C-alpha atoms as a PDB file:
ATOM      1  CA  MET A   1     129.677  88.837  30.698  1.00  0.00           C
ATOM      2  CA  LYS A   2     130.971  88.907  34.100  1.00  0.00           C
ATOM      3  CA  TYR A   3     132.198  92.517  33.734  1.00  0.00           C
ATOM      4  CA  LYS A   4     129.094  93.941  32.209  1.00  0.00           C
ATOM      5  CA  ILE A   5     126.842  92.377  35.220  1.00  0.00           C
ATOM      6  CA  LEU A   6     129.702  93.827  37.628  1.00  0.00           C
ATOM      7  CA  PHE A   7     129.509  97.575  35.717  1.00  0.00           C
ATOM      8  CA  SER A   8     126.002  97.871  36.017  1.00  0.00           C
ATOM      9  CA  LEU A   9     125.615  97.306  39.790  1.00  0.00           C
ATOM     10  CA  VAL A  10     128.404  99.780  39.969  1.00  0.00           C
ATOM     11  CA  LEU A  11     126.779 102.323  38.064  1.00  0.00           C
ATOM     12  CA  ILE A  12     123.098 101.729  39.840  1.00  0.00           C
ATOM     13  CA  PHE A  13     125.091 102.188  43.244  1.00  0.00           C
ATOM     14  CA  LEU A  14     126.941 105.139  41.999  1.00  0.00           C
ATOM     15  CA  LEU A  15     123.360 106.830  40.761  1.00  0.00           C
ATOM     16  CA  ALA A  16     121.959 105.710  43.985  1.00  0.00           C
ATOM     17  CA  GLY A  17     124.252 107.746  46.027  1.00  0.00           C
ATOM     18  CA  CYS A  18     124.160 110.550  43.995  1.00  0.00           C
ATOM     19  CA  GLY A  19     120.359 111.094  44.228  1.00  0.00           C
ATOM     20  CA  SER A  20     120.601 110.656  48.567  1.00  0.00           C
ATOM     21  CA  ALA A  21     123.109 113.283  48.055  1.00  0.00           C
ATOM     22  CA  MET A  22     121.030 116.044  46.096  1.00  0.00           C
ATOM     23  CA  SER A  23     117.620 114.774  48.479  1.00  0.00           C
ATOM     24  CA  ALA A  24     119.850 115.882  51.767  1.00  0.00           C
ATOM     25  CA  SER A  25     121.070 119.120  50.192  1.00  0.00           C
ATOM     26  CA  GLY A  26     117.880 120.096  48.565  1.00  0.00           C
ATOM     27  CA  GLY A  27     115.876 119.669  51.582  1.00  0.00           C
ATOM     28  CA  ALA A  28     117.989 121.547  54.052  1.00  0.00           C
ATOM     29  CA  GLY A  29     116.125 124.918  53.434  1.00  0.00           C
ATOM     30  CA  GLN A  30     112.869 123.518  53.568  1.00  0.00           C
ATOM     31  CA  SER A  31     110.818 123.606  56.840  1.00  0.00           C
ATOM     32  CA  PRO A  32     109.824 120.099  57.982  1.00  0.00           C
ATOM     33  CA  ALA A  33     106.312 118.968  56.748  1.00  0.00           C
ATOM     34  CA  THR A  34     104.901 118.682  60.277  1.00  0.00           C
ATOM     35  CA  GLU A  35     105.505 122.318  60.741  1.00  0.00           C
ATOM     36  CA  ALA A  36     102.303 124.472  61.070  1.00  0.00           C
ATOM     37  CA  PRO A  37     102.085 127.458  58.615  1.00  0.00           C
ATOM     38  CA  ALA A  38     102.852 130.752  60.353  1.00  0.00           C
ATOM     39  CA  ALA A  39     100.008 132.963  61.394  1.00  0.00           C
ATOM     40  CA  THR A  40      99.224 135.688  59.293  1.00  0.00           C
ATOM     41  CA  GLU A  41      97.622 138.931  60.331  1.00  0.00           C
ATOM     42  CA  ALA A  42      93.986 139.474  59.427  1.00  0.00           C
ATOM     43  CA  PRO A  43      93.563 142.497  57.245  1.00  0.00           C
ATOM     44  CA  ALA A  44      91.683 145.265  59.358  1.00  0.00           C
ATOM     45  CA  ALA A  45      87.991 145.300  58.885  1.00  0.00           C
ATOM     46  CA  ALA A  46      86.318 147.620  56.802  1.00  0.00           C
ATOM     47  CA  PHE A  47      83.202 148.235  58.976  1.00  0.00           C
ATOM     48  CA  PRO A  48      82.713 147.836  62.521  1.00  0.00           C
ATOM     49  CA  THR A  49      82.486 144.077  63.897  1.00  0.00           C
ATOM     50  CA  SER A  50      80.038 145.211  66.173  1.00  0.00           C
ATOM     51  CA  THR A  51      76.538 143.793  65.291  1.00  0.00           C
ATOM     52  CA  ALA A  52      74.507 145.671  68.157  1.00  0.00           C
ATOM     53  CA  LEU A  53      71.386 147.693  66.821  1.00  0.00           C
ATOM     54  CA  PRO A  54      71.680 151.457  67.599  1.00  0.00           C
ATOM     55  CA  VAL A  55      69.993 152.476  71.139  1.00  0.00           C
ATOM     56  CA  PRO A  56      67.270 154.331  70.379  1.00  0.00           C
ATOM     57  CA  LEU A  57      66.553 157.850  72.196  1.00  0.00           C
ATOM     58  CA  PRO A  58      64.092 157.833  74.791  1.00  0.00           C
ATOM     59  CA  VAL A  59      60.566 159.150  73.879  1.00  0.00           C
ATOM     60  CA  SER A  60      59.291 162.004  76.060  1.00  0.00           C
ATOM     61  CA  THR A  61      56.337 161.135  77.334  1.00  0.00           C
ATOM     62  CA  VAL A  62      55.612 164.988  78.544  1.00  0.00           C
ATOM     63  CA  GLN A  63      52.291 165.984  77.194  1.00  0.00           C
ATOM     64  CA  PRO A  64      51.697 169.595  75.743  1.00  0.00           C
ATOM     65  CA  PRO A  65      49.745 171.771  78.236  1.00  0.00           C
ATOM     66  CA  PRO A  66      45.981 172.021  77.375  1.00  0.00           C
ATOM     67  CA  ARG A  67      44.865 175.088  75.589  1.00  0.00           C
ATOM     68  CA  MET A  68      43.631 177.574  78.086  1.00  0.00           C
ATOM     69  CA  ASP A  69      40.722 179.866  77.181  1.00  0.00           C
ATOM     70  CA  GLU A  70      40.368 183.389  77.656  1.00  0.00           C
ATOM     71  CA  THR A  71      38.015 184.744  80.456  1.00  0.00           C
ATOM     72  CA  ARG A  72      35.794 187.804  79.426  1.00  0.00           C
ATOM     73  CA  ARG A  73      33.852 190.333  81.009  1.00  0.00           C
ATOM     74  CA  LEU A  74      30.793 190.837  79.050  1.00  0.00           C
ATOM     75  CA  THR A  75      28.946 194.054  80.287  1.00  0.00           C
ATOM     76  CA  LEU A  76      25.602 195.608  79.261  1.00  0.00           C
ATOM     77  CA  GLU A  77      24.146 198.692  80.004  1.00  0.00           C
ATOM     78  CA  PHE A  78      20.823 199.883  79.003  1.00  0.00           C
ATOM     79  CA  PRO A  79      18.547 202.299  80.086  1.00  0.00           C
ATOM     80  CA  ALA A  80      15.609 201.217  82.513  1.00  0.00           C
ATOM     81  CA  ARG A  81      13.143 204.097  81.382  1.00  0.00           C
ATOM     82  CA  ILE A  82      12.535 206.701  79.340  1.00  0.00           C
ATOM     83  CA  ARG A  83      10.495 208.904  77.503  1.00  0.00           C
ATOM     84  CA  ALA A  84       8.479 208.192  74.423  1.00  0.00           C
ATOM     85  CA  GLY A  85       9.774 209.786  71.164  1.00  0.00           C
ATOM     86  CA  GLU A  86      13.446 210.140  72.595  1.00  0.00           C
ATOM     87  CA  SER A  87      16.618 208.507  71.716  1.00  0.00           C
ATOM     88  CA  GLU A  88      18.914 206.463  74.277  1.00  0.00           C
ATOM     89  CA  SER A  89      21.871 204.112  73.762  1.00  0.00           C
ATOM     90  CA  ILE A  90      22.347 200.612  74.569  1.00  0.00           C
ATOM     91  CA  ARG A  91      26.329 199.609  75.147  1.00  0.00           C
ATOM     92  CA  LEU A  92      27.887 195.911  75.065  1.00  0.00           C
ATOM     93  CA  THR A  93      31.395 195.172  75.987  1.00  0.00           C
ATOM     94  CA  LEU A  94      33.325 192.359  75.896  1.00  0.00           C
ATOM     95  CA  GLU A  95      37.098 192.752  77.612  1.00  0.00           C
ATOM     96  CA  VAL A  96      39.757 190.631  79.218  1.00  0.00           C
ATOM     97  CA  ASP A  97      38.966 189.476  82.708  1.00  0.00           C
ATOM     98  CA  GLU A  98      42.183 188.046  84.238  1.00  0.00           C
ATOM     99  CA  LEU A  99      40.527 187.986  87.926  1.00  0.00           C
ATOM    100  CA  GLY A 100      37.586 186.668  87.140  1.00  0.00           C
ATOM    101  CA  ASN A 101      35.535 189.839  88.177  1.00  0.00           C
ATOM    102  CA  ILE A 102      31.869 189.800  87.254  1.00  0.00           C
ATOM    103  CA  THR A 103      30.434 193.393  87.051  1.00  0.00           C
ATOM    104  CA  PRO A 104      27.277 192.908  89.367  1.00  0.00           C
ATOM    105  CA  THR A 105      23.882 194.061  88.475  1.00  0.00           C
ATOM    106  CA  ALA A 106      23.369 197.902  89.223  1.00  0.00           C
ATOM    107  CA  GLU A 107      21.763 200.889  88.794  1.00  0.00           C
ATOM    108  CA  PHE A 108      23.499 203.998  87.884  1.00  0.00           C
ATOM    109  CA  GLY A 109      22.699 207.499  86.194  1.00  0.00           C
ATOM    110  CA  GLY A 110      19.094 205.869  85.204  1.00  0.00           C
ATOM    111  CA  HIS A 111      21.221 203.045  83.372  1.00  0.00           C
ATOM    112  CA  GLU A 112      21.225 199.506  84.817  1.00  0.00           C
ATOM    113  CA  ILE A 113      24.069 197.269  84.153  1.00  0.00           C
ATOM    114  CA  THR A 114      24.657 194.003  83.996  1.00  0.00           C
ATOM    115  CA  GLY A 115      27.398 191.343  83.938  1.00  0.00           C
ATOM    116  CA  ASP A 116      28.279 187.860  82.855  1.00  0.00           C
ATOM    117  CA  SER A 117      31.538 185.741  82.298  1.00  0.00           C
ATOM    118  CA  VAL A 118      32.333 184.079  78.671  1.00  0.00           C
ATOM    119  CA  GLN A 119      34.786 181.616  77.650  1.00  0.00           C
ATOM    120  CA  ILE A 120      36.875 182.772  74.479  1.00  0.00           C
ATOM    121  CA  PRO A 121      38.493 179.569  72.714  1.00  0.00           C
ATOM    122  CA  ASN A 122      42.570 180.533  72.633  1.00  0.00           C
ATOM    123  CA  VAL A 123      43.040 179.646  68.824  1.00  0.00           C
ATOM    124  CA  TYR A 124      44.304 183.090  67.855  1.00  0.00           C
ATOM    125  CA  ASP A 125      47.430 181.445  65.919  1.00  0.00           C
ATOM    126  CA  THR A 126      45.466 178.987  63.554  1.00  0.00           C
ATOM    127  CA  HIS A 127      41.832 181.244  63.608  1.00  0.00           C
ATOM    128  CA  LEU A 128      40.435 184.516  62.904  1.00  0.00           C
ATOM    129  CA  LEU A 129      37.799 185.160  65.255  1.00  0.00           C
ATOM    130  CA  ASN A 130      35.088 187.904  64.729  1.00  0.00           C
ATOM    131  CA  LEU A 131      32.120 188.654  67.266  1.00  0.00           C
ATOM    132  CA  GLU A 132      28.435 189.311  65.825  1.00  0.00           C
ATOM    133  CA  ALA A 133      25.987 191.309  67.961  1.00  0.00           C
ATOM    134  CA  GLN A 134      22.546 192.050  67.368  1.00  0.00           C
ATOM    135  CA  LEU A 135      19.485 193.233  69.413  1.00  0.00           C
ATOM    136  CA  ASP A 136      15.941 192.071  69.202  1.00  0.00           C
ATOM    137  CA  MET A 137      13.314 194.307  70.757  1.00  0.00           C
ATOM    138  CA  ALA A 138      10.184 194.263  69.016  1.00  0.00           C
ATOM    139  CA  GLY A 139       8.129 197.549  68.671  1.00  0.00           C
ATOM    140  CA  MET A 140      11.298 199.641  69.329  1.00  0.00           C
ATOM    141  CA  ILE A 141      13.048 201.660  66.555  1.00  0.00           C
ATOM    142  CA  VAL A 142      16.758 200.107  67.175  1.00  0.00           C
ATOM    143  CA  SER A 143      19.898 201.222  64.911  1.00  0.00           C
ATOM    144  CA  PRO A 144      21.906 199.592  63.469  1.00  0.00           C
ATOM    145  CA  SER A 145      19.233 197.118  62.914  1.00  0.00           C
ATOM    146  CA  GLY A 146      20.625 193.721  61.843  1.00  0.00           C
ATOM    147  CA  GLU A 147      23.842 192.019  62.690  1.00  0.00           C
ATOM    148  CA  THR A 148      26.687 193.896  63.601  1.00  0.00           C
ATOM    149  CA  LYS A 149      30.210 192.614  63.356  1.00  0.00           C
ATOM    150  CA  GLU A 150      33.912 193.292  64.526  1.00  0.00           C
ATOM    151  CA  SER A 151      37.231 191.631  64.491  1.00  0.00           C
ATOM    152  CA  LEU A 152      38.706 190.295  68.170  1.00  0.00           C
ATOM    153  CA  THR A 153      42.435 189.776  68.601  1.00  0.00           C
ATOM    154  CA  ARG A 154      44.374 188.506  71.737  1.00  0.00           C
ATOM    155  CA  GLY A 155      43.869 190.856  74.701  1.00  0.00           C
ATOM    156  CA  SER A 156      41.630 193.343  72.751  1.00  0.00           C
ATOM    157  CA  SER A 157      38.409 194.560  73.766  1.00  0.00           C
ATOM    158  CA  ALA A 158      35.102 195.149  71.812  1.00  0.00           C
ATOM    159  CA  THR A 159      32.503 197.247  72.079  1.00  0.00           C
ATOM    160  CA  PHE A 160      28.999 197.468  70.518  1.00  0.00           C
ATOM    161  CA  TYR A 161      26.215 200.582  70.531  1.00  0.00           C
ATOM    162  CA  TRP A 162      22.608 200.615  69.501  1.00  0.00           C
ATOM    163  CA  THR A 163      20.259 203.839  69.640  1.00  0.00           C
ATOM    164  CA  ILE A 164      16.913 202.926  70.204  1.00  0.00           C
ATOM    165  CA  ARG A 165      13.956 205.160  69.975  1.00  0.00           C
ATOM    166  CA  PRO A 166      10.507 203.827  71.452  1.00  0.00           C
ATOM    167  CA  PRO A 167       7.436 204.967  69.428  1.00  0.00           C
ATOM    168  CA  GLU A 168       4.841 205.414  72.273  1.00  0.00           C
ATOM    169  CA  PRO A 169       4.577 204.337  76.125  1.00  0.00           C
ATOM    170  CA  GLY A 170       4.705 200.670  77.569  1.00  0.00           C
ATOM    171  CA  LEU A 171       7.033 198.106  78.384  1.00  0.00           C
ATOM    172  CA  TYR A 172       9.464 196.718  75.670  1.00  0.00           C
ATOM    173  CA  ARG A 173      11.191 193.407  76.150  1.00  0.00           C
ATOM    174  CA  GLY A 174      14.061 192.305  74.066  1.00  0.00           C
ATOM    175  CA  THR A 175      17.258 190.080  73.737  1.00  0.00           C
ATOM    176  CA  VAL A 176      20.941 191.291  72.838  1.00  0.00           C
ATOM    177  CA  TRP A 177      22.766 187.997  71.134  1.00  0.00           C
ATOM    178  CA  LEU A 178      26.279 187.581  71.000  1.00  0.00           C
ATOM    179  CA  HIS A 179      28.135 184.638  68.672  1.00  0.00           C
ATOM    180  CA  LEU A 180      31.813 184.071  67.964  1.00  0.00           C
ATOM    181  CA  ASN A 181      32.697 183.063  64.549  1.00  0.00           C
ATOM    182  CA  LEU A 182      35.730 181.391  63.638  1.00  0.00           C
ATOM    183  CA  THR A 183      37.807 181.062  60.305  1.00  0.00           C
ATOM    184  CA  ASP A 184      40.338 178.311  60.160  1.00  0.00           C
ATOM    185  CA  ARG A 185      43.570 180.436  58.252  1.00  0.00           C
ATOM    186  CA  LEU A 186      44.868 177.463  56.244  1.00  0.00           C
ATOM    187  CA  THR A 187      41.464 175.694  55.305  1.00  0.00           C
ATOM    188  CA  LYS A 188      39.206 178.624  55.599  1.00  0.00           C
ATOM    189  CA  GLU A 189      36.518 176.289  57.182  1.00  0.00           C
ATOM    190  CA  GLU A 190      34.155 178.303  59.259  1.00  0.00           C
ATOM    191  CA  SER A 191      32.188 177.839  62.475  1.00  0.00           C
ATOM    192  CA  ARG A 192      29.916 179.511  64.731  1.00  0.00           C
ATOM    193  CA  LEU A 193      29.668 179.854  68.479  1.00  0.00           C
ATOM    194  CA  PRO A 194      27.280 181.207  70.804  1.00  0.00           C
ATOM    195  CA  LEU A 195      28.752 183.229  73.727  1.00  0.00           C
ATOM    196  CA  SER A 196      25.573 184.966  75.121  1.00  0.00           C
ATOM    197  CA  ALA A 197      21.967 186.064  74.913  1.00  0.00           C
ATOM    198  CA  GLN A 198      20.692 188.689  77.722  1.00  0.00           C
ATOM    199  CA  ILE A 199      17.099 189.783  78.089  1.00  0.00           C
ATOM    200  CA  LEU A 200      16.554 193.255  78.870  1.00  0.00           C
ATOM    201  CA  GLU A 201      13.324 195.523  79.801  1.00  0.00           C
ATOM    202  CA  ILE A 202      12.779 199.033  78.805  1.00  0.00           C
ATOM    203  CA  HIS A 203       9.767 200.851  80.677  1.00  0.00           C
ATOM    204  CA  THR A 204       8.970 203.767  78.239  1.00  0.00           C
ATOM    205  CA  VAL A 205       6.606 206.883  79.403  1.00  0.00           C
ATOM    206  CA  ASP A 206       5.084 209.769  77.961  1.00  0.00           C
ATOM    207  CA  PHE A 207       6.468 213.716  78.164  1.00  0.00           C
ATOM    208  CA  PHE A 208       5.334 214.085  81.583  1.00  0.00           C
ATOM    209  CA  GLY A 209       6.775 211.310  82.999  1.00  0.00           C
ATOM    210  CA  LEU A 210       3.795 209.263  83.505  1.00  0.00           C
ATOM    211  CA  SER A 211       3.759 205.269  82.623  1.00  0.00           C
ATOM    212  CA  PHE A 212       1.675 203.905  79.986  1.00  0.00           C
ATOM    213  CA  ARG A 213      -1.213 202.560  82.446  1.00  0.00           C
ATOM    214  CA  VAL A 214      -1.476 205.944  84.315  1.00  0.00           C
ATOM    215  CA  ALA A 215      -1.662 207.972  80.932  1.00  0.00           C
ATOM    216  CA  GLN A 216      -4.033 205.342  79.636  1.00  0.00           C
ATOM    217  CA  ALA A 217      -6.152 205.570  83.086  1.00  0.00           C
ATOM    218  CA  GLY A 218      -5.442 209.672  82.695  1.00  0.00           C
ATOM    219  CA  GLY A 219      -7.068 209.553  79.272  1.00  0.00           C
ATOM    220  CA  VAL A 220      -9.875 207.956  80.136  1.00  0.00           C
ATOM    221  CA  ILE A 221     -11.077 210.268  82.930  1.00  0.00           C
ATOM    222  CA  GLY A 222     -10.242 213.236  80.507  1.00  0.00           C
ATOM    223  CA  SER A 223     -12.428 211.992  77.742  1.00  0.00           C
ATOM    224  CA  PHE A 224     -14.995 211.268  80.464  1.00  0.00           C
ATOM    225  CA  VAL A 225     -14.783 215.096  81.616  1.00  0.00           C
ATOM    226  CA  GLY A 226     -14.698 216.354  78.492  1.00  0.00           C
ATOM    227  CA  GLY A 227     -17.781 214.710  77.360  1.00  0.00           C
ATOM    228  CA  VAL A 228     -19.418 215.885  80.331  1.00  0.00           C
ATOM    229  CA  LEU A 229     -18.614 219.629  79.635  1.00  0.00           C
ATOM    230  CA  GLY A 230     -19.571 219.148  76.170  1.00  0.00           C
ATOM    231  CA  PHE A 231     -23.535 218.103  77.275  1.00  0.00           C
ATOM    232  CA  PRO A 232     -25.556 220.516  75.127  1.00  0.00           C
ATOM    233  CA  PHE A 233     -28.012 221.596  78.162  1.00  0.00           C
ATOM    234  CA  LEU A 234     -25.435 221.353  80.719  1.00  0.00           C
ATOM    235  CA  ASP A 235     -25.315 225.061  81.070  1.00  0.00           C
ATOM    236  CA  ASP A 236     -28.832 225.316  81.697  1.00  0.00           C
ATOM    237  CA  ILE A 237     -28.819 222.747  83.976  1.00  0.00           C
ATOM    238  CA  LEU A 238     -25.857 224.337  86.411  1.00  0.00           C
ATOM    239  CA  LYS A 239     -27.761 227.623  85.795  1.00  0.00           C
ATOM    240  CA  TRP A 240     -31.127 226.192  87.175  1.00  0.00           C
ATOM    241  CA  LEU A 241     -29.437 224.242  90.115  1.00  0.00           C
ATOM    242  CA  PHE A 242     -27.351 227.467  91.228  1.00  0.00           C
ATOM    243  CA  GLY A 243     -30.792 229.567  90.706  1.00  0.00           C
ATOM    244  CA  ARG A 244     -32.714 227.135  93.375  1.00  0.00           C
ATOM    245  CA  LYS A 245     -29.964 227.065  95.774  1.00  0.00           C
ATOM    246  CA  LYS A 246     -29.676 230.869  95.588  1.00  0.00           C
ATOM    247  CA  LYS A 247     -33.513 231.307  96.372  1.00  0.00           C
ATOM    248  CA  ARG A 248     -33.253 228.777  99.617  1.00  0.00           C
ATOM    249  CA  SER A 249     -31.017 230.746 100.817  1.00  0.00           C
ATOM    250  CA  GLN A 250     -33.169 233.811 100.570  1.00  0.00           C
ATOM    251  CA  LYS A 251     -36.315 232.350 101.994  1.00  0.00           C
ATOM    252  CA  LYS A 252     -34.037 231.532 105.368  1.00  0.00           C
ATOM    253  CA  ASP A 253     -33.082 234.951 105.457  1.00  0.00           C
END
């Protein structure tokens, strides 16, 4: 019995010694438990790490230059005096006037010339421009009658002509109208702008160059003289008067 107990104790000590040796040999290659794990390198970021928003580009504060209208010189030429039954012409010219010169009112060769300045919108790139002119003169025979149209482009001039013929002597007053029609190239929307309304007066005389009042007065006098000469007993009255005058002169002699 004693031998069994002793044998058991020896076996226990042997097993305990083997376990200690194995623990010592196995733990030699391991790092201490308290040693911090080695730092690993972080993988490269797939996107930029910066979270700053892109800086917006500065907005230009420079405004486009305002649209400058074209300055045009409008010239009207018409006869100041014409004879009844004869034809004359009236001319209206619209041309570019970069210097702002206006034709003064003048008379040349029996024609009166007047000038005016008008502004044309500079919208040639976006609109179609058409001028519309008309001469209104009561009692005067005008050709062409009604409205006359002509297209207008940048830098170009436009001219309108009318032929007039007064049927009888007198004073004729009229108006030359000028309008601008604008048509939008995209929307085809139309608008109409008045440009000018020029008033003119034309004195008409008869064939001998007399004015209407002088011709009228001369007609009255001629009618009176003709009536007197056509009196039935005028011949006898004249003979009787001349006969009495002759007898008195003979008595004095």
